[in-house]
Amino acid sequence: MEPLLVLTNLPDAASAETLARALVDSRAAACVNVLQPCRSIYRWQGRLETAEEVPLLIKTSVANYPLVEQIVRGQHPYDVPELIALPITHGLPAYLSWLATETE
């Protein structure tokens, strides 16, 4: 099992909670952390933008990434949502075992 940490941001707490629950309910992710709002500064369509967003930390596997992407694309309100996957190269073996079991 190749574990992944996937990052995305939502525009508000309600949509973040809804997406987090959909990911865990479908077993696409073992756990999703819904973090406190943050301020994002970025360039979009040639303009400098600032937005308050709610970050999600999604714990999943390489095998489940396509399902995570499908669910995020289907429920995310942005035209182009941030969706970045980082490999988890080290971790507590018991936690990684749990992650594997919850995403089978």
N, C-alpha and C. Protein backbone atom coordinates (compact mmCIF):
# COMPACT_ATOMS: atom_id res chain seq x y z
N MET A 1 0.85 -1.18 0.00
CA MET A 1 0.00 0.00 0.00
C MET A 1 0.89 1.23 0.00
N GLU A 2 0.61 2.14 -0.91
CA GLU A 2 1.35 3.39 -1.00
C GLU A 2 0.47 4.52 -0.47
N PRO A 3 0.72 4.99 0.75
CA PRO A 3 -0.13 6.04 1.32
C PRO A 3 0.15 7.41 0.70
N LEU A 4 -0.91 8.21 0.64
CA LEU A 4 -0.84 9.57 0.12
C LEU A 4 -1.49 10.55 1.08
N LEU A 5 -0.98 11.77 1.07
CA LEU A 5 -1.63 12.90 1.72
C LEU A 5 -2.08 13.83 0.59
N VAL A 6 -3.37 14.06 0.49
CA VAL A 6 -3.92 14.89 -0.58
C VAL A 6 -4.44 16.18 0.04
N LEU A 7 -4.12 17.29 -0.62
CA LEU A 7 -4.51 18.61 -0.13
C LEU A 7 -5.52 19.24 -1.07
N THR A 8 -6.52 19.90 -0.49
CA THR A 8 -7.43 20.73 -1.25
C THR A 8 -7.95 21.82 -0.32
N ASN A 9 -8.57 22.84 -0.90
CA ASN A 9 -9.16 23.94 -0.13
C ASN A 9 -10.58 24.16 -0.62
N LEU A 10 -11.47 24.45 0.31
CA LEU A 10 -12.88 24.73 0.00
C LEU A 10 -13.21 26.16 0.43
N PRO A 11 -14.25 26.75 -0.16
CA PRO A 11 -14.56 28.15 0.15
C PRO A 11 -15.23 28.37 1.51
N ASP A 12 -15.75 27.31 2.14
CA ASP A 12 -16.45 27.50 3.41
C ASP A 12 -16.48 26.19 4.19
N ALA A 13 -16.81 26.28 5.47
CA ALA A 13 -16.81 25.12 6.36
C ALA A 13 -17.86 24.08 5.95
N ALA A 14 -19.02 24.53 5.49
CA ALA A 14 -20.08 23.59 5.13
C ALA A 14 -19.67 22.71 3.95
N SER A 15 -19.12 23.30 2.90
CA SER A 15 -18.71 22.50 1.75
C SER A 15 -17.51 21.62 2.10
N ALA A 16 -16.64 22.09 2.98
CA ALA A 16 -15.49 21.28 3.43
C ALA A 16 -15.98 20.06 4.20
N GLU A 17 -16.92 20.25 5.09
CA GLU A 17 -17.47 19.14 5.87
C GLU A 17 -18.19 18.13 4.97
N THR A 18 -18.95 18.62 4.02
CA THR A 18 -19.67 17.74 3.11
C THR A 18 -18.71 16.89 2.28
N LEU A 19 -17.67 17.51 1.76
CA LEU A 19 -16.69 16.78 0.96
C LEU A 19 -15.92 15.78 1.82
N ALA A 20 -15.52 16.19 3.01
CA ALA A 20 -14.79 15.29 3.91
C ALA A 20 -15.62 14.04 4.23
N ARG A 21 -16.87 14.23 4.54
CA ARG A 21 -17.74 13.08 4.85
C ARG A 21 -17.92 12.17 3.64
N ALA A 22 -18.07 12.75 2.45
CA ALA A 22 -18.23 11.94 1.24
C ALA A 22 -16.99 11.09 0.99
N LEU A 23 -15.82 11.66 1.21
CA LEU A 23 -14.57 10.92 0.99
C LEU A 23 -14.43 9.75 1.97
N VAL A 24 -14.76 9.98 3.23
CA VAL A 24 -14.63 8.91 4.23
C VAL A 24 -15.77 7.90 4.08
N ASP A 25 -16.99 8.37 3.85
CA ASP A 25 -18.13 7.45 3.68
C ASP A 25 -17.91 6.48 2.52
N SER A 26 -17.28 6.94 1.46
CA SER A 26 -17.05 6.10 0.28
C SER A 26 -15.80 5.23 0.42
N ARG A 27 -15.07 5.40 1.52
CA ARG A 27 -13.80 4.70 1.77
C ARG A 27 -12.70 5.13 0.80
N ALA A 28 -12.90 6.25 0.12
CA ALA A 28 -11.85 6.82 -0.72
C ALA A 28 -10.71 7.32 0.15
N ALA A 29 -11.04 7.72 1.38
CA ALA A 29 -10.06 8.22 2.35
C ALA A 29 -10.33 7.57 3.70
N ALA A 30 -9.25 7.36 4.44
CA ALA A 30 -9.38 6.82 5.80
C ALA A 30 -9.75 7.93 6.77
N CYS A 31 -9.24 9.12 6.52
CA CYS A 31 -9.44 10.25 7.43
C CYS A 31 -9.28 11.53 6.64
N VAL A 32 -10.08 12.53 6.98
CA VAL A 32 -9.93 13.87 6.41
C VAL A 32 -9.94 14.87 7.55
N ASN A 33 -8.88 15.65 7.64
CA ASN A 33 -8.84 16.73 8.62
C ASN A 33 -9.39 17.99 7.98
N VAL A 34 -10.39 18.58 8.62
CA VAL A 34 -10.95 19.86 8.19
C VAL A 34 -10.29 20.91 9.08
N LEU A 35 -9.45 21.72 8.48
CA LEU A 35 -8.67 22.69 9.25
C LEU A 35 -9.41 24.02 9.39
N GLN A 36 -8.82 24.90 10.17
CA GLN A 36 -9.37 26.23 10.35
C GLN A 36 -9.20 27.04 9.07
N PRO A 37 -10.07 28.01 8.83
CA PRO A 37 -9.93 28.83 7.63
C PRO A 37 -8.58 29.52 7.57
N CYS A 38 -8.12 29.70 6.36
CA CYS A 38 -6.86 30.41 6.12
C CYS A 38 -7.08 31.41 5.00
N ARG A 39 -6.14 32.31 4.84
CA ARG A 39 -6.21 33.28 3.76
C ARG A 39 -5.30 32.79 2.64
N SER A 40 -5.85 32.68 1.45
CA SER A 40 -5.09 32.28 0.27
C SER A 40 -4.94 33.49 -0.65
N ILE A 41 -3.72 33.68 -1.16
CA ILE A 41 -3.43 34.75 -2.11
C ILE A 41 -2.89 34.07 -3.36
N TYR A 42 -3.51 34.34 -4.49
CA TYR A 42 -3.15 33.64 -5.72
C TYR A 42 -3.51 34.49 -6.93
N ARG A 43 -2.98 34.11 -8.08
CA ARG A 43 -3.33 34.78 -9.32
C ARG A 43 -4.32 33.88 -10.06
N TRP A 44 -5.45 34.45 -10.48
CA TRP A 44 -6.47 33.71 -11.22
C TRP A 44 -6.95 34.56 -12.38
N GLN A 45 -6.82 34.04 -13.58
CA GLN A 45 -7.24 34.71 -14.80
C GLN A 45 -6.65 36.12 -14.90
N GLY A 46 -5.36 36.20 -14.56
CA GLY A 46 -4.61 37.45 -14.70
C GLY A 46 -4.78 38.45 -13.58
N ARG A 47 -5.55 38.11 -12.56
CA ARG A 47 -5.78 39.04 -11.45
C ARG A 47 -5.28 38.45 -10.15
N LEU A 48 -4.76 39.31 -9.29
CA LEU A 48 -4.37 38.89 -7.95
C LEU A 48 -5.63 38.78 -7.10
N GLU A 49 -5.83 37.61 -6.49
CA GLU A 49 -7.03 37.34 -5.70
C GLU A 49 -6.65 37.01 -4.27
N THR A 50 -7.56 37.26 -3.35
CA THR A 50 -7.44 36.88 -1.96
C THR A 50 -8.76 36.25 -1.55
N ALA A 51 -8.67 35.09 -0.88
CA ALA A 51 -9.89 34.41 -0.47
C ALA A 51 -9.65 33.70 0.86
N GLU A 52 -10.71 33.61 1.65
CA GLU A 52 -10.67 32.77 2.85
C GLU A 52 -11.09 31.38 2.41
N GLU A 53 -10.28 30.37 2.77
CA GLU A 53 -10.56 29.00 2.38
C GLU A 53 -10.37 28.06 3.56
N VAL A 54 -11.00 26.89 3.47
CA VAL A 54 -10.91 25.86 4.50
C VAL A 54 -10.09 24.70 3.93
N PRO A 55 -8.86 24.48 4.45
CA PRO A 55 -8.03 23.39 3.94
C PRO A 55 -8.50 22.02 4.43
N LEU A 56 -8.34 21.03 3.56
CA LEU A 56 -8.57 19.63 3.92
C LEU A 56 -7.28 18.86 3.74
N LEU A 57 -6.98 17.99 4.70
CA LEU A 57 -5.88 17.04 4.60
C LEU A 57 -6.51 15.66 4.47
N ILE A 58 -6.33 15.04 3.33
CA ILE A 58 -7.00 13.78 3.00
C ILE A 58 -5.96 12.67 3.03
N LYS A 59 -6.18 11.67 3.90
CA LYS A 59 -5.28 10.52 3.98
C LYS A 59 -5.88 9.37 3.20
N THR A 60 -5.13 8.92 2.17
CA THR A 60 -5.62 7.88 1.27
C THR A 60 -4.45 7.08 0.75
N SER A 61 -4.66 6.41 -0.37
CA SER A 61 -3.60 5.60 -0.99
C SER A 61 -3.51 5.93 -2.48
N VAL A 62 -2.40 5.54 -3.07
CA VAL A 62 -2.23 5.72 -4.52
C VAL A 62 -3.37 5.03 -5.27
N ALA A 63 -3.72 3.84 -4.82
CA ALA A 63 -4.80 3.08 -5.49
C ALA A 63 -6.14 3.82 -5.43
N ASN A 64 -6.38 4.56 -4.36
CA ASN A 64 -7.66 5.26 -4.20
C ASN A 64 -7.65 6.68 -4.74
N TYR A 65 -6.49 7.17 -5.20
CA TYR A 65 -6.44 8.55 -5.68
C TYR A 65 -7.47 8.83 -6.79
N PRO A 66 -7.64 7.93 -7.78
CA PRO A 66 -8.65 8.24 -8.81
C PRO A 66 -10.05 8.45 -8.24
N LEU A 67 -10.43 7.69 -7.22
CA LEU A 67 -11.74 7.88 -6.59
C LEU A 67 -11.79 9.20 -5.83
N VAL A 68 -10.71 9.53 -5.13
CA VAL A 68 -10.64 10.84 -4.44
C VAL A 68 -10.82 11.96 -5.46
N GLU A 69 -10.09 11.89 -6.56
CA GLU A 69 -10.20 12.93 -7.59
C GLU A 69 -11.62 13.01 -8.15
N GLN A 70 -12.23 11.87 -8.40
CA GLN A 70 -13.60 11.85 -8.93
C GLN A 70 -14.57 12.52 -7.97
N ILE A 71 -14.47 12.20 -6.69
CA ILE A 71 -15.37 12.79 -5.70
C ILE A 71 -15.12 14.29 -5.55
N VAL A 72 -13.86 14.69 -5.50
CA VAL A 72 -13.54 16.11 -5.38
C VAL A 72 -14.07 16.86 -6.60
N ARG A 73 -13.79 16.37 -7.78
CA ARG A 73 -14.27 17.05 -9.00
C ARG A 73 -15.79 17.14 -9.02
N GLY A 74 -16.46 16.11 -8.54
CA GLY A 74 -17.92 16.09 -8.56
C GLY A 74 -18.57 17.01 -7.54
N GLN A 75 -17.88 17.27 -6.43
CA GLN A 75 -18.50 18.06 -5.36
C GLN A 75 -17.87 19.42 -5.12
N HIS A 76 -16.71 19.67 -5.68
CA HIS A 76 -16.00 20.92 -5.40
C HIS A 76 -16.63 22.07 -6.18
N PRO A 77 -16.87 23.20 -5.54
CA PRO A 77 -17.53 24.31 -6.23
C PRO A 77 -16.61 25.11 -7.17
N TYR A 78 -15.29 24.94 -7.08
CA TYR A 78 -14.39 25.71 -7.94
C TYR A 78 -14.28 25.08 -9.32
N ASP A 79 -14.07 25.90 -10.34
CA ASP A 79 -13.84 25.40 -11.70
C ASP A 79 -12.57 24.56 -11.76
N VAL A 80 -11.52 25.02 -11.08
CA VAL A 80 -10.24 24.32 -11.04
C VAL A 80 -9.81 24.21 -9.57
N PRO A 81 -10.26 23.15 -8.89
CA PRO A 81 -9.88 23.02 -7.48
C PRO A 81 -8.42 22.63 -7.32
N GLU A 82 -7.82 23.13 -6.26
CA GLU A 82 -6.48 22.65 -5.90
C GLU A 82 -6.64 21.19 -5.50
N LEU A 83 -5.81 20.33 -6.07
CA LEU A 83 -5.80 18.92 -5.68
C LEU A 83 -4.36 18.45 -5.88
N ILE A 84 -3.65 18.33 -4.76
CA ILE A 84 -2.23 17.98 -4.77
C ILE A 84 -2.03 16.75 -3.90
N ALA A 85 -1.35 15.74 -4.44
CA ALA A 85 -1.09 14.51 -3.70
C ALA A 85 0.41 14.40 -3.40
N LEU A 86 0.71 14.13 -2.14
CA LEU A 86 2.09 13.97 -1.70
C LEU A 86 2.27 12.56 -1.15
N PRO A 87 3.35 11.89 -1.53
CA PRO A 87 3.57 10.55 -0.98
C PRO A 87 3.91 10.62 0.51
N ILE A 88 3.41 9.68 1.25
CA ILE A 88 3.78 9.54 2.67
C ILE A 88 4.89 8.50 2.70
N THR A 89 6.11 8.94 2.94
CA THR A 89 7.25 8.03 2.88
C THR A 89 7.56 7.36 4.20
N HIS A 90 7.11 7.95 5.30
CA HIS A 90 7.33 7.39 6.62
C HIS A 90 6.12 7.66 7.48
N GLY A 91 5.89 6.79 8.45
CA GLY A 91 4.78 6.99 9.38
C GLY A 91 4.74 5.87 10.39
N LEU A 92 3.99 6.07 11.43
CA LEU A 92 3.81 5.04 12.45
C LEU A 92 3.21 3.82 11.78
N PRO A 93 3.86 2.67 11.84
CA PRO A 93 3.35 1.48 11.14
C PRO A 93 1.91 1.14 11.48
N ALA A 94 1.52 1.26 12.74
CA ALA A 94 0.14 0.95 13.12
C ALA A 94 -0.84 1.90 12.43
N TYR A 95 -0.48 3.19 12.33
CA TYR A 95 -1.36 4.16 11.66
C TYR A 95 -1.46 3.84 10.17
N LEU A 96 -0.34 3.55 9.53
CA LEU A 96 -0.35 3.24 8.10
C LEU A 96 -1.13 1.96 7.82
N SER A 97 -1.06 1.01 8.73
CA SER A 97 -1.84 -0.23 8.60
C SER A 97 -3.33 0.09 8.69
N TRP A 98 -3.71 0.93 9.65
CA TRP A 98 -5.10 1.36 9.79
C TRP A 98 -5.57 2.07 8.53
N LEU A 99 -4.74 2.97 8.00
CA LEU A 99 -5.08 3.69 6.77
C LEU A 99 -5.34 2.71 5.63
N ALA A 100 -4.50 1.71 5.50
CA ALA A 100 -4.67 0.71 4.45
C ALA A 100 -5.99 -0.05 4.63
N THR A 101 -6.28 -0.45 5.85
CA THR A 101 -7.51 -1.20 6.12
C THR A 101 -8.75 -0.36 5.82
N GLU A 102 -8.73 0.90 6.18
CA GLU A 102 -9.91 1.76 6.01
C GLU A 102 -10.15 2.18 4.57
N THR A 103 -9.17 2.02 3.70
CA THR A 103 -9.34 2.42 2.30
C THR A 103 -9.40 1.22 1.36
N GLU A 104 -9.57 0.03 1.90
CA GLU A 104 -9.67 -1.16 1.04
C GLU A 104 -11.05 -1.25 0.42
